[in-house]
Amino acid sequence: MTPHDPPPRASHDAGAAPGDAFHPHFPDPGPTPEDDRRPLRARLHHISADALDGDTAQTGGMRRFAAISGHRVGSERLWMGQTHVAPATASANHHHGASETAIYVVKGHPEFVFADDTSSTREEVRLRTAPGDYIFVPPYVPHREENPHPDEEAVVVIARSTQEAIVVNLPTL
């Protein structure tokens, strides 16, 4: 079964009402075609872990993989995917334009670095994370991801408030 195959249909008892096991009051829509030609925004989408798309905006020192995007599933206000940072690696400095970014740490202990210039002295701030932690990155805030661990890859799930992954790489924070 591929991510684009329809799910198995629920079976019915001969005397059961039409519909499925969860919604017996819904009429039975009949067989589902092998090649679903409904518009992207008229159906649910299942993206399996092995079907993430690496053909997305990238930053040196890390790899982004799209799961949910306008191109892939027809989303209009959301992009979601994974980022992998190799051991002992730091990404290039970057920001995500007008997009709000939410990050969930899945694996490793990545560190998120940004420049705080709210006082008279500009200083780098380092947020150290662990699996289960969340980070919020406001629009246009320059930052970078670092993975200080010598042997373990860091993996995070990212959700953005834009249809595609906006990445503006920068020379400095």
N, C-alpha and C. Protein backbone atom coordinates (compact mmCIF):
# COMPACT_ATOMS: atom_id res chain seq x y z
N MET A 1 0.85 -1.18 0.00
CA MET A 1 0.00 0.00 0.00
C MET A 1 0.89 1.24 0.00
N THR A 2 0.63 2.18 -0.88
CA THR A 2 1.38 3.43 -0.94
C THR A 2 0.62 4.51 -0.20
N PRO A 3 1.27 5.68 0.10
CA PRO A 3 0.56 6.76 0.80
C PRO A 3 -0.64 7.28 0.03
N HIS A 4 -0.71 7.00 -1.28
CA HIS A 4 -1.80 7.53 -2.09
C HIS A 4 -2.92 6.52 -2.29
N ASP A 5 -2.73 5.28 -1.78
CA ASP A 5 -3.79 4.29 -1.89
C ASP A 5 -4.91 4.63 -0.92
N PRO A 6 -6.16 4.41 -1.33
CA PRO A 6 -7.26 4.64 -0.40
C PRO A 6 -7.21 3.62 0.74
N PRO A 7 -7.72 3.97 1.91
CA PRO A 7 -7.71 3.03 3.02
C PRO A 7 -8.68 1.89 2.74
N PRO A 8 -8.49 0.75 3.43
CA PRO A 8 -9.43 -0.35 3.23
C PRO A 8 -10.84 0.07 3.64
N ARG A 9 -11.83 -0.41 2.93
CA ARG A 9 -13.22 -0.09 3.24
C ARG A 9 -13.70 -0.99 4.36
N ALA A 10 -14.57 -0.47 5.21
CA ALA A 10 -15.14 -1.27 6.29
C ALA A 10 -16.10 -2.29 5.69
N SER A 11 -16.10 -3.49 6.26
CA SER A 11 -17.03 -4.50 5.78
C SER A 11 -18.34 -4.39 6.56
N HIS A 12 -19.40 -4.92 5.97
CA HIS A 12 -20.73 -4.82 6.58
C HIS A 12 -21.33 -6.21 6.72
N ASP A 13 -22.13 -6.38 7.75
CA ASP A 13 -22.93 -7.59 7.86
C ASP A 13 -24.03 -7.50 6.82
N ALA A 14 -24.51 -8.62 6.38
CA ALA A 14 -25.56 -8.63 5.36
C ALA A 14 -26.77 -7.81 5.79
N GLY A 15 -27.12 -7.82 7.08
CA GLY A 15 -28.30 -7.11 7.53
C GLY A 15 -27.98 -5.75 8.12
N ALA A 16 -26.71 -5.31 8.07
CA ALA A 16 -26.32 -4.04 8.68
C ALA A 16 -26.80 -2.87 7.84
N ALA A 17 -26.93 -1.73 8.50
CA ALA A 17 -27.32 -0.51 7.80
C ALA A 17 -26.19 -0.06 6.88
N PRO A 18 -26.51 0.75 5.84
CA PRO A 18 -25.45 1.25 4.96
C PRO A 18 -24.48 2.14 5.73
N GLY A 19 -23.33 2.43 5.13
CA GLY A 19 -22.33 3.29 5.77
C GLY A 19 -21.14 2.47 6.19
N ASP A 20 -20.49 2.90 7.25
CA ASP A 20 -19.34 2.15 7.75
C ASP A 20 -19.53 1.85 9.23
N ALA A 21 -18.57 1.18 9.81
CA ALA A 21 -18.69 0.75 11.20
C ALA A 21 -18.80 1.93 12.17
N PHE A 22 -18.23 3.08 11.82
CA PHE A 22 -18.27 4.24 12.70
C PHE A 22 -19.49 5.13 12.45
N HIS A 23 -19.98 5.12 11.22
CA HIS A 23 -21.07 6.01 10.83
C HIS A 23 -22.13 5.22 10.05
N PRO A 24 -22.84 4.32 10.71
CA PRO A 24 -23.78 3.48 9.98
C PRO A 24 -24.93 4.26 9.34
N HIS A 25 -25.18 5.49 9.78
CA HIS A 25 -26.25 6.29 9.21
C HIS A 25 -25.85 6.98 7.91
N PHE A 26 -24.54 7.00 7.57
CA PHE A 26 -24.11 7.60 6.31
C PHE A 26 -24.38 6.61 5.18
N PRO A 27 -24.79 7.10 4.02
CA PRO A 27 -24.98 6.18 2.89
C PRO A 27 -23.64 5.63 2.43
N ASP A 28 -23.66 4.42 1.92
CA ASP A 28 -22.45 3.79 1.40
C ASP A 28 -22.10 4.45 0.07
N PRO A 29 -20.90 5.08 -0.05
CA PRO A 29 -20.55 5.78 -1.28
C PRO A 29 -20.16 4.87 -2.43
N GLY A 30 -20.06 3.58 -2.19
CA GLY A 30 -19.68 2.65 -3.25
C GLY A 30 -18.17 2.48 -3.31
N PRO A 31 -17.68 1.77 -4.31
CA PRO A 31 -16.24 1.49 -4.37
C PRO A 31 -15.41 2.77 -4.56
N THR A 32 -14.22 2.77 -4.00
CA THR A 32 -13.29 3.88 -4.15
C THR A 32 -12.35 3.57 -5.30
N PRO A 33 -12.21 4.48 -6.27
CA PRO A 33 -11.31 4.20 -7.40
C PRO A 33 -9.86 4.12 -6.94
N GLU A 34 -9.09 3.32 -7.62
CA GLU A 34 -7.67 3.18 -7.30
C GLU A 34 -6.95 4.52 -7.43
N ASP A 35 -7.26 5.30 -8.47
CA ASP A 35 -6.62 6.58 -8.71
C ASP A 35 -7.59 7.69 -8.31
N ASP A 36 -7.42 8.22 -7.11
CA ASP A 36 -8.34 9.23 -6.57
C ASP A 36 -8.14 10.54 -7.31
N ARG A 37 -9.12 10.98 -8.07
CA ARG A 37 -9.02 12.19 -8.87
C ARG A 37 -9.74 13.38 -8.24
N ARG A 38 -10.16 13.24 -6.98
CA ARG A 38 -10.79 14.38 -6.30
C ARG A 38 -9.76 15.48 -6.14
N PRO A 39 -10.20 16.75 -6.13
CA PRO A 39 -9.25 17.86 -5.92
C PRO A 39 -8.50 17.69 -4.59
N LEU A 40 -7.28 18.22 -4.54
CA LEU A 40 -6.45 18.09 -3.34
C LEU A 40 -7.18 18.53 -2.08
N ARG A 41 -7.98 19.58 -2.17
CA ARG A 41 -8.65 20.13 -0.98
C ARG A 41 -10.00 19.48 -0.71
N ALA A 42 -10.30 18.37 -1.37
CA ALA A 42 -11.57 17.70 -1.16
C ALA A 42 -11.39 16.33 -0.51
N ARG A 43 -10.21 16.09 0.05
CA ARG A 43 -9.94 14.78 0.66
C ARG A 43 -8.85 14.90 1.70
N LEU A 44 -8.73 13.92 2.55
CA LEU A 44 -7.62 13.84 3.50
C LEU A 44 -6.39 13.30 2.77
N HIS A 45 -5.22 13.60 3.33
CA HIS A 45 -3.97 13.14 2.75
C HIS A 45 -3.16 12.42 3.82
N HIS A 46 -2.59 11.30 3.46
CA HIS A 46 -1.72 10.55 4.36
C HIS A 46 -0.31 10.61 3.79
N ILE A 47 0.61 11.18 4.54
CA ILE A 47 2.00 11.24 4.11
C ILE A 47 2.79 10.36 5.06
N SER A 48 3.27 9.26 4.56
CA SER A 48 4.03 8.34 5.42
C SER A 48 5.43 8.89 5.67
N ALA A 49 6.05 8.42 6.73
CA ALA A 49 7.37 8.90 7.13
C ALA A 49 8.40 8.72 6.02
N ASP A 50 8.24 7.70 5.20
CA ASP A 50 9.22 7.47 4.13
C ASP A 50 8.88 8.23 2.84
N ALA A 51 7.85 9.09 2.87
CA ALA A 51 7.45 9.83 1.68
C ALA A 51 7.68 11.33 1.81
N LEU A 52 8.50 11.75 2.77
CA LEU A 52 8.79 13.17 2.92
C LEU A 52 9.61 13.65 1.72
N ASP A 53 9.45 14.92 1.36
CA ASP A 53 10.05 15.47 0.15
C ASP A 53 11.21 16.40 0.51
N GLY A 54 12.42 16.06 0.10
CA GLY A 54 13.61 16.87 0.36
C GLY A 54 13.80 18.01 -0.62
N ASP A 55 12.91 18.11 -1.62
CA ASP A 55 13.02 19.17 -2.61
C ASP A 55 12.29 20.41 -2.11
N THR A 56 12.88 21.05 -1.09
CA THR A 56 12.30 22.24 -0.46
C THR A 56 13.44 23.20 -0.13
N ALA A 57 13.10 24.40 0.32
CA ALA A 57 14.13 25.39 0.66
C ALA A 57 15.07 24.81 1.71
N GLN A 58 16.37 25.04 1.53
CA GLN A 58 17.37 24.47 2.42
C GLN A 58 18.28 25.56 2.99
N THR A 59 18.92 25.21 4.08
CA THR A 59 19.93 26.04 4.72
C THR A 59 21.13 25.15 4.98
N GLY A 60 22.33 25.65 4.76
CA GLY A 60 23.53 24.85 5.00
C GLY A 60 23.57 24.32 6.42
N GLY A 61 24.00 23.07 6.59
CA GLY A 61 24.15 22.46 7.90
C GLY A 61 22.92 21.70 8.37
N MET A 62 21.86 21.73 7.58
CA MET A 62 20.65 21.01 7.96
C MET A 62 19.93 20.56 6.69
N ARG A 63 19.00 19.61 6.86
CA ARG A 63 18.17 19.15 5.74
C ARG A 63 16.70 19.26 6.14
N ARG A 64 15.90 19.93 5.30
CA ARG A 64 14.47 20.05 5.52
C ARG A 64 13.73 19.09 4.60
N PHE A 65 12.66 18.49 5.14
CA PHE A 65 11.83 17.55 4.38
C PHE A 65 10.38 17.96 4.54
N ALA A 66 9.71 18.25 3.43
CA ALA A 66 8.31 18.67 3.47
C ALA A 66 7.38 17.48 3.59
N ALA A 67 6.37 17.64 4.43
CA ALA A 67 5.29 16.66 4.52
C ALA A 67 4.01 17.30 4.01
N ILE A 68 3.67 18.46 4.56
CA ILE A 68 2.45 19.19 4.21
C ILE A 68 2.87 20.50 3.55
N SER A 69 2.37 20.77 2.34
CA SER A 69 2.65 22.02 1.65
C SER A 69 1.57 22.27 0.61
N GLY A 70 1.55 23.48 0.10
CA GLY A 70 0.60 23.79 -0.95
C GLY A 70 0.81 22.91 -2.16
N HIS A 71 2.06 22.70 -2.52
CA HIS A 71 2.38 21.88 -3.69
C HIS A 71 1.97 20.42 -3.50
N ARG A 72 2.24 19.89 -2.31
CA ARG A 72 2.00 18.46 -2.08
C ARG A 72 0.55 18.11 -1.80
N VAL A 73 -0.14 18.92 -0.98
CA VAL A 73 -1.49 18.54 -0.57
C VAL A 73 -2.53 19.64 -0.77
N GLY A 74 -2.10 20.80 -1.28
CA GLY A 74 -3.05 21.88 -1.51
C GLY A 74 -3.30 22.77 -0.31
N SER A 75 -2.45 22.71 0.71
CA SER A 75 -2.64 23.57 1.88
C SER A 75 -2.53 25.04 1.45
N GLU A 76 -3.30 25.90 2.09
CA GLU A 76 -3.29 27.31 1.75
C GLU A 76 -2.58 28.18 2.78
N ARG A 77 -2.53 27.73 4.03
CA ARG A 77 -1.95 28.55 5.10
C ARG A 77 -1.02 27.77 6.02
N LEU A 78 -0.52 26.63 5.57
CA LEU A 78 0.28 25.80 6.46
C LEU A 78 1.35 25.04 5.68
N TRP A 79 2.54 24.98 6.26
CA TRP A 79 3.61 24.11 5.77
C TRP A 79 4.07 23.32 6.98
N MET A 80 4.36 22.04 6.80
CA MET A 80 4.82 21.21 7.91
C MET A 80 5.81 20.19 7.39
N GLY A 81 6.83 19.92 8.19
CA GLY A 81 7.83 18.94 7.79
C GLY A 81 8.81 18.66 8.90
N GLN A 82 9.92 18.08 8.52
CA GLN A 82 10.99 17.73 9.47
C GLN A 82 12.27 18.43 9.08
N THR A 83 13.09 18.68 10.09
CA THR A 83 14.44 19.15 9.85
C THR A 83 15.40 18.22 10.59
N HIS A 84 16.48 17.87 9.92
CA HIS A 84 17.52 17.01 10.50
C HIS A 84 18.82 17.81 10.54
N VAL A 85 19.45 17.84 11.71
CA VAL A 85 20.75 18.50 11.86
C VAL A 85 21.75 17.42 12.28
N ALA A 86 22.78 17.25 11.48
CA ALA A 86 23.79 16.23 11.73
C ALA A 86 24.54 16.50 13.04
N PRO A 87 25.17 15.47 13.61
CA PRO A 87 25.96 15.67 14.83
C PRO A 87 27.05 16.73 14.63
N ALA A 88 27.33 17.47 15.68
CA ALA A 88 28.40 18.48 15.69
C ALA A 88 28.28 19.45 14.52
N THR A 89 27.06 19.92 14.23
CA THR A 89 26.82 20.78 13.08
C THR A 89 25.97 21.98 13.50
N ALA A 90 26.21 23.10 12.86
CA ALA A 90 25.37 24.29 13.03
C ALA A 90 24.84 24.69 11.65
N SER A 91 23.59 25.11 11.61
CA SER A 91 23.03 25.58 10.35
C SER A 91 23.58 26.96 10.05
N ALA A 92 23.35 27.41 8.85
CA ALA A 92 23.64 28.80 8.51
C ALA A 92 22.59 29.68 9.19
N ASN A 93 22.91 30.96 9.33
CA ASN A 93 21.95 31.92 9.88
C ASN A 93 20.85 32.13 8.84
N HIS A 94 19.59 32.28 9.30
CA HIS A 94 18.47 32.44 8.38
C HIS A 94 17.25 32.96 9.11
N HIS A 95 16.24 33.35 8.35
CA HIS A 95 14.92 33.63 8.92
C HIS A 95 13.87 33.10 7.95
N HIS A 96 12.60 33.15 8.35
CA HIS A 96 11.53 32.55 7.56
C HIS A 96 10.52 33.58 7.08
N GLY A 97 10.99 34.78 6.77
CA GLY A 97 10.11 35.81 6.22
C GLY A 97 8.93 36.09 7.12
N ALA A 98 7.77 36.27 6.52
CA ALA A 98 6.55 36.61 7.27
C ALA A 98 5.94 35.41 7.98
N SER A 99 6.54 34.25 7.85
CA SER A 99 5.99 33.03 8.42
C SER A 99 6.28 32.91 9.92
N GLU A 100 5.25 32.54 10.68
CA GLU A 100 5.46 32.10 12.06
C GLU A 100 5.90 30.64 11.98
N THR A 101 6.82 30.25 12.86
CA THR A 101 7.32 28.87 12.84
C THR A 101 7.21 28.27 14.22
N ALA A 102 6.62 27.08 14.29
CA ALA A 102 6.56 26.31 15.54
C ALA A 102 7.41 25.07 15.35
N ILE A 103 8.21 24.75 16.36
CA ILE A 103 9.15 23.63 16.28
C ILE A 103 8.91 22.69 17.46
N TYR A 104 8.87 21.40 17.17
CA TYR A 104 8.74 20.36 18.20
C TYR A 104 9.96 19.46 18.10
N VAL A 105 10.69 19.31 19.20
CA VAL A 105 11.91 18.49 19.22
C VAL A 105 11.53 17.02 19.37
N VAL A 106 11.92 16.22 18.38
CA VAL A 106 11.63 14.79 18.37
C VAL A 106 12.81 14.00 18.94
N LYS A 107 14.02 14.35 18.51
CA LYS A 107 15.20 13.55 18.85
C LYS A 107 16.39 14.48 19.03
N GLY A 108 17.23 14.17 19.99
CA GLY A 108 18.45 14.93 20.21
C GLY A 108 18.23 16.13 21.11
N HIS A 109 19.24 16.99 21.14
CA HIS A 109 19.23 18.19 21.99
C HIS A 109 19.68 19.40 21.18
N PRO A 110 18.91 19.75 20.15
CA PRO A 110 19.31 20.90 19.34
C PRO A 110 19.26 22.18 20.14
N GLU A 111 20.08 23.13 19.72
CA GLU A 111 20.11 24.45 20.35
C GLU A 111 19.71 25.47 19.29
N PHE A 112 18.90 26.44 19.70
CA PHE A 112 18.41 27.49 18.81
C PHE A 112 19.03 28.79 19.26
N VAL A 113 19.68 29.50 18.35
CA VAL A 113 20.45 30.68 18.68
C VAL A 113 19.88 31.88 17.93
N PHE A 114 19.70 33.00 18.66
CA PHE A 114 19.25 34.25 18.04
C PHE A 114 19.95 35.41 18.72
N ALA A 115 19.93 36.57 18.09
CA ALA A 115 20.58 37.76 18.65
C ALA A 115 19.53 38.61 19.36
N ASP A 116 19.77 38.90 20.62
CA ASP A 116 18.87 39.76 21.40
C ASP A 116 19.45 41.16 21.41
N ASP A 117 18.73 42.09 20.77
CA ASP A 117 19.22 43.47 20.74
C ASP A 117 18.25 44.42 21.43
N THR A 118 17.53 43.88 22.44
CA THR A 118 16.57 44.72 23.17
C THR A 118 17.26 45.61 24.20
N SER A 119 18.51 45.34 24.51
CA SER A 119 19.25 46.22 25.42
C SER A 119 20.34 46.94 24.62
N SER A 120 21.13 47.72 25.30
CA SER A 120 22.18 48.48 24.61
C SER A 120 23.29 47.56 24.08
N THR A 121 23.41 46.37 24.66
CA THR A 121 24.42 45.42 24.22
C THR A 121 23.75 44.25 23.51
N ARG A 122 24.11 44.05 22.27
CA ARG A 122 23.57 42.93 21.49
C ARG A 122 24.27 41.66 21.93
N GLU A 123 23.49 40.62 22.24
CA GLU A 123 24.11 39.36 22.66
C GLU A 123 23.38 38.18 22.05
N GLU A 124 24.13 37.10 21.84
CA GLU A 124 23.53 35.87 21.34
C GLU A 124 22.85 35.15 22.50
N VAL A 125 21.65 34.67 22.25
CA VAL A 125 20.91 33.89 23.23
C VAL A 125 20.80 32.47 22.68
N ARG A 126 21.06 31.51 23.53
CA ARG A 126 21.06 30.10 23.15
C ARG A 126 19.97 29.38 23.93
N LEU A 127 19.02 28.77 23.21
CA LEU A 127 17.96 27.99 23.84
C LEU A 127 18.31 26.51 23.69
N ARG A 128 18.58 25.84 24.81
CA ARG A 128 18.93 24.41 24.79
C ARG A 128 17.66 23.60 24.98
N THR A 129 17.47 22.59 24.13
CA THR A 129 16.22 21.84 24.14
C THR A 129 16.45 20.34 24.34
N ALA A 130 15.34 19.65 24.58
CA ALA A 130 15.32 18.20 24.74
C ALA A 130 14.07 17.67 24.03
N PRO A 131 14.03 16.37 23.75
CA PRO A 131 12.84 15.80 23.11
C PRO A 131 11.58 16.17 23.90
N GLY A 132 10.55 16.57 23.16
CA GLY A 132 9.29 16.98 23.77
C GLY A 132 9.15 18.49 23.94
N ASP A 133 10.26 19.23 23.78
CA ASP A 133 10.22 20.69 23.91
C ASP A 133 9.69 21.33 22.63
N TYR A 134 9.19 22.56 22.79
CA TYR A 134 8.70 23.36 21.67
C TYR A 134 9.47 24.68 21.61
N ILE A 135 9.61 25.21 20.41
CA ILE A 135 10.21 26.53 20.17
C ILE A 135 9.26 27.29 19.25
N PHE A 136 9.08 28.58 19.50
CA PHE A 136 8.32 29.44 18.60
C PHE A 136 9.27 30.47 18.02
N VAL A 137 9.27 30.62 16.69
CA VAL A 137 10.10 31.59 15.99
C VAL A 137 9.18 32.60 15.32
N PRO A 138 9.17 33.86 15.79
CA PRO A 138 8.33 34.88 15.15
C PRO A 138 8.83 35.22 13.75
N PRO A 139 7.99 35.85 12.94
CA PRO A 139 8.41 36.24 11.58
C PRO A 139 9.66 37.12 11.59
N TYR A 140 10.50 36.93 10.62
CA TYR A 140 11.69 37.74 10.34
C TYR A 140 12.78 37.70 11.42
N VAL A 141 12.70 36.82 12.41
CA VAL A 141 13.72 36.77 13.45
C VAL A 141 14.88 35.88 12.98
N PRO A 142 16.06 36.47 12.76
CA PRO A 142 17.22 35.68 12.35
C PRO A 142 17.62 34.70 13.46
N HIS A 143 17.98 33.49 13.07
CA HIS A 143 18.37 32.46 14.03
C HIS A 143 19.16 31.38 13.31
N ARG A 144 19.64 30.43 14.09
CA ARG A 144 20.27 29.23 13.52
C ARG A 144 20.03 28.07 14.49
N GLU A 145 20.10 26.87 13.95
CA GLU A 145 20.01 25.66 14.75
C GLU A 145 21.39 25.05 14.87
N GLU A 146 21.69 24.53 16.04
CA GLU A 146 22.96 23.85 16.26
C GLU A 146 22.70 22.51 16.92
N ASN A 147 23.53 21.55 16.57
CA ASN A 147 23.48 20.25 17.22
C ASN A 147 24.86 19.97 17.79
N PRO A 148 25.07 20.25 19.08
CA PRO A 148 26.40 20.08 19.66
C PRO A 148 26.79 18.63 19.94
N HIS A 149 25.84 17.71 19.90
CA HIS A 149 26.15 16.31 20.23
C HIS A 149 27.10 15.73 19.19
N PRO A 150 28.16 15.05 19.63
CA PRO A 150 29.16 14.54 18.68
C PRO A 150 28.70 13.35 17.84
N ASP A 151 27.66 12.62 18.29
CA ASP A 151 27.28 11.38 17.60
C ASP A 151 25.81 11.29 17.20
N GLU A 152 24.94 12.08 17.78
CA GLU A 152 23.50 11.91 17.58
C GLU A 152 22.90 13.01 16.71
N GLU A 153 22.16 12.62 15.68
CA GLU A 153 21.44 13.56 14.84
C GLU A 153 20.29 14.18 15.64
N ALA A 154 20.00 15.45 15.38
CA ALA A 154 18.84 16.10 15.98
C ALA A 154 17.73 16.14 14.93
N VAL A 155 16.50 15.82 15.35
CA VAL A 155 15.35 15.82 14.44
C VAL A 155 14.23 16.63 15.09
N VAL A 156 13.67 17.56 14.32
CA VAL A 156 12.55 18.36 14.81
C VAL A 156 11.43 18.34 13.77
N VAL A 157 10.21 18.53 14.24
CA VAL A 157 9.05 18.72 13.36
C VAL A 157 8.76 20.21 13.34
N ILE A 158 8.51 20.73 12.15
CA ILE A 158 8.29 22.17 11.97
C ILE A 158 6.92 22.40 11.35
N ALA A 159 6.22 23.40 11.88
CA ALA A 159 4.96 23.87 11.27
C ALA A 159 5.12 25.36 11.02
N ARG A 160 4.74 25.78 9.81
CA ARG A 160 4.83 27.20 9.45
C ARG A 160 3.47 27.71 9.00
N SER A 161 3.27 29.00 9.20
CA SER A 161 1.98 29.62 8.87
C SER A 161 1.92 30.07 7.41
N THR A 162 2.72 29.47 6.56
CA THR A 162 2.70 29.76 5.13
C THR A 162 2.59 28.45 4.37
N GLN A 163 2.20 28.56 3.13
CA GLN A 163 1.95 27.39 2.29
C GLN A 163 3.24 26.65 1.92
N GLU A 164 4.32 27.38 1.81
CA GLU A 164 5.59 26.76 1.45
C GLU A 164 6.64 27.16 2.48
N ALA A 165 7.77 26.49 2.44
CA ALA A 165 8.86 26.76 3.39
C ALA A 165 9.65 27.98 2.93
N ILE A 166 9.43 29.10 3.60
CA ILE A 166 10.18 30.32 3.29
C ILE A 166 11.49 30.27 4.07
N VAL A 167 12.61 30.43 3.37
CA VAL A 167 13.92 30.45 4.02
C VAL A 167 14.74 31.55 3.38
N VAL A 168 15.20 32.49 4.20
CA VAL A 168 16.08 33.55 3.74
C VAL A 168 17.40 33.37 4.48
N ASN A 169 18.42 32.88 3.77
CA ASN A 169 19.73 32.66 4.38
C ASN A 169 20.46 33.99 4.53
N LEU A 170 21.18 34.14 5.66
CA LEU A 170 21.82 35.40 6.03
C LEU A 170 23.30 35.19 6.35
N PRO A 171 24.13 36.22 6.16
CA PRO A 171 25.55 36.08 6.51
C PRO A 171 25.78 36.10 8.02
N THR A 172 24.93 36.82 8.77
CA THR A 172 25.08 36.91 10.23
C THR A 172 23.71 36.95 10.88
N LEU A 173 23.68 36.80 12.21
CA LEU A 173 22.43 36.96 12.92
C LEU A 173 22.05 38.42 12.97
